[in-house]
Amino acid sequence: MSNEVTVKGEVVNGVLLHTPVIERSIQGGSQRIYRFANGYGASVVNHSFSYGTELAVLLFTGPDNLQFNLNYNTPITDDVIGHLSEDEVEVLLDQINALPPASELPPPDVIMIEND
């Protein structure tokens, strides 16, 4: 996998759309992974075990787009955020992209997850 960062895409209904670095099927639904130059990103899922469309803030730990931990220590949220519209997802992605570089924030409270 490459370590490309998310770039802003086209404007739709006044909202700048972000482009995922990974899109894949997961647990009977889908997952989109976004990565930003500040070291953060997001996992957006919608499957049978999620709260509708759900977003989690990620902290990347290496150059591969699957090397990350869930991060609950940002001003964005201390948990996952569920039941989101696509417009709400885009607003949250803008907020994550605007965070200061990960090295400038306190050490994260992370949950290690295994990625396929």
Protein backbone atom coordinates (compact mmCIF):
# COMPACT_ATOMS: atom_id res chain seq x y z
CA MET A 1 0.00 0.00 0.00
CA SER A 2 1.13 3.52 -0.63
CA ASN A 3 1.23 6.33 1.89
CA GLU A 4 -0.76 8.79 -0.20
CA VAL A 5 -2.62 11.42 1.76
CA THR A 6 -6.20 12.40 1.19
CA VAL A 7 -6.68 15.32 -1.14
CA LYS A 8 -9.77 17.40 -1.48
CA GLY A 9 -11.92 16.47 -4.40
CA GLU A 10 -14.78 18.18 -6.11
CA VAL A 11 -17.30 20.52 -4.49
CA VAL A 12 -20.83 19.08 -4.34
CA ASN A 13 -23.65 21.16 -2.85
CA GLY A 14 -21.11 23.49 -1.28
CA VAL A 15 -19.20 20.66 0.45
CA LEU A 16 -15.60 19.77 -0.43
CA LEU A 17 -15.44 16.00 -0.84
CA HIS A 18 -12.46 13.98 0.38
CA THR A 19 -11.10 10.94 -1.43
CA PRO A 20 -10.49 7.72 0.53
CA VAL A 21 -7.12 6.00 0.20
CA ILE A 22 -8.81 2.61 0.73
CA GLU A 23 -12.34 1.39 0.04
CA ARG A 24 -13.16 -2.20 0.92
CA SER A 25 -15.94 -4.59 1.89
CA ILE A 26 -16.11 -5.43 5.59
CA GLN A 27 -18.61 -7.42 7.68
CA GLY A 28 -21.32 -7.33 5.01
CA GLY A 29 -20.90 -3.60 4.43
CA SER A 30 -18.18 -1.13 3.54
CA GLN A 31 -15.21 0.73 4.99
CA ARG A 32 -13.48 3.83 3.67
CA ILE A 33 -10.08 4.87 5.06
CA TYR A 34 -8.97 8.51 4.78
CA ARG A 35 -5.43 9.70 5.49
CA PHE A 36 -4.26 13.28 6.03
CA ALA A 37 -0.82 14.90 6.00
CA ASN A 38 -1.09 15.72 9.74
CA GLY A 39 -0.80 12.00 10.63
CA TYR A 40 -4.51 11.56 11.32
CA GLY A 41 -7.25 10.00 9.28
CA ALA A 42 -10.65 8.42 9.58
CA SER A 43 -12.35 5.10 9.17
CA VAL A 44 -15.91 5.41 7.91
CA VAL A 45 -17.92 2.20 8.08
CA ASN A 46 -21.45 1.12 7.45
CA HIS A 47 -22.19 -2.54 8.14
CA SER A 48 -24.42 -4.78 10.21
CA PHE A 49 -22.49 -4.05 13.45
CA SER A 50 -22.08 -0.27 13.05
CA TYR A 51 -24.27 2.59 14.22
CA GLY A 52 -25.37 3.40 10.69
CA THR A 53 -22.62 5.35 8.96
CA GLU A 54 -19.97 5.58 11.67
CA LEU A 55 -16.68 7.50 11.84
CA ALA A 56 -13.61 6.81 13.97
CA VAL A 57 -10.53 9.05 14.14
CA LEU A 58 -7.31 7.25 13.21
CA LEU A 59 -3.67 7.91 14.04
CA PHE A 60 -1.33 6.41 11.45
CA THR A 61 1.68 4.56 12.85
CA GLY A 62 3.60 3.83 9.66
CA PRO A 63 3.78 4.45 5.93
CA ASP A 64 1.20 1.81 4.97
CA ASN A 65 -2.42 2.94 4.80
CA LEU A 66 -3.40 0.01 7.05
CA GLN A 67 -0.93 0.92 9.81
CA PHE A 68 -3.09 2.86 12.22
CA ASN A 69 -4.73 2.87 15.62
CA LEU A 70 -8.11 4.22 16.61
CA ASN A 71 -7.54 7.49 18.45
CA TYR A 72 -9.93 8.70 21.17
CA ASN A 73 -7.80 11.65 22.30
CA THR A 74 -8.60 14.46 19.85
CA PRO A 75 -10.94 17.44 20.08
CA ILE A 76 -13.11 15.70 17.47
CA THR A 77 -14.41 12.87 19.69
CA ASP A 78 -13.51 10.47 22.49
CA ASP A 79 -15.46 7.63 20.84
CA VAL A 80 -16.80 6.66 17.43
CA ILE A 81 -19.53 8.89 16.00
CA GLY A 82 -22.52 7.06 14.55
CA HIS A 83 -25.70 7.72 12.61
CA LEU A 84 -23.99 10.23 10.30
CA SER A 85 -25.12 11.62 6.96
CA GLU A 86 -22.51 11.87 4.19
CA ASP A 87 -22.50 15.67 4.62
CA GLU A 88 -21.74 15.22 8.34
CA VAL A 89 -18.92 12.81 7.45
CA GLU A 90 -17.37 15.43 5.15
CA VAL A 91 -17.56 18.11 7.87
CA LEU A 92 -15.82 15.76 10.33
CA LEU A 93 -13.16 14.91 7.72
CA ASP A 94 -12.49 18.65 7.33
CA GLN A 95 -12.10 18.94 11.12
CA ILE A 96 -9.69 15.97 11.28
CA ASN A 97 -7.68 17.36 8.38
CA ALA A 98 -7.41 20.70 10.24
CA LEU A 99 -5.97 19.17 13.44
CA PRO A 100 -2.40 20.17 14.26
CA PRO A 101 0.19 17.51 13.39
CA ALA A 102 -0.10 14.45 15.61
CA SER A 103 3.30 15.20 17.12
CA GLU A 104 1.93 18.45 18.59
CA LEU A 105 -0.96 16.88 20.54
CA PRO A 106 -0.75 14.91 23.81
CA PRO A 107 -0.01 11.16 23.49
CA PRO A 108 -3.16 9.39 22.34
CA ASP A 109 -5.32 6.91 24.17
CA VAL A 110 -5.37 4.25 21.48
CA ILE A 111 -6.97 0.89 20.91
CA MET A 112 -4.85 -1.50 18.90
CA ILE A 113 -6.72 -3.23 16.09
CA GLU A 114 -5.61 -5.83 13.63
CA ASN A 115 -6.11 -5.08 9.96
CA ASP A 116 -6.40 -7.70 7.27
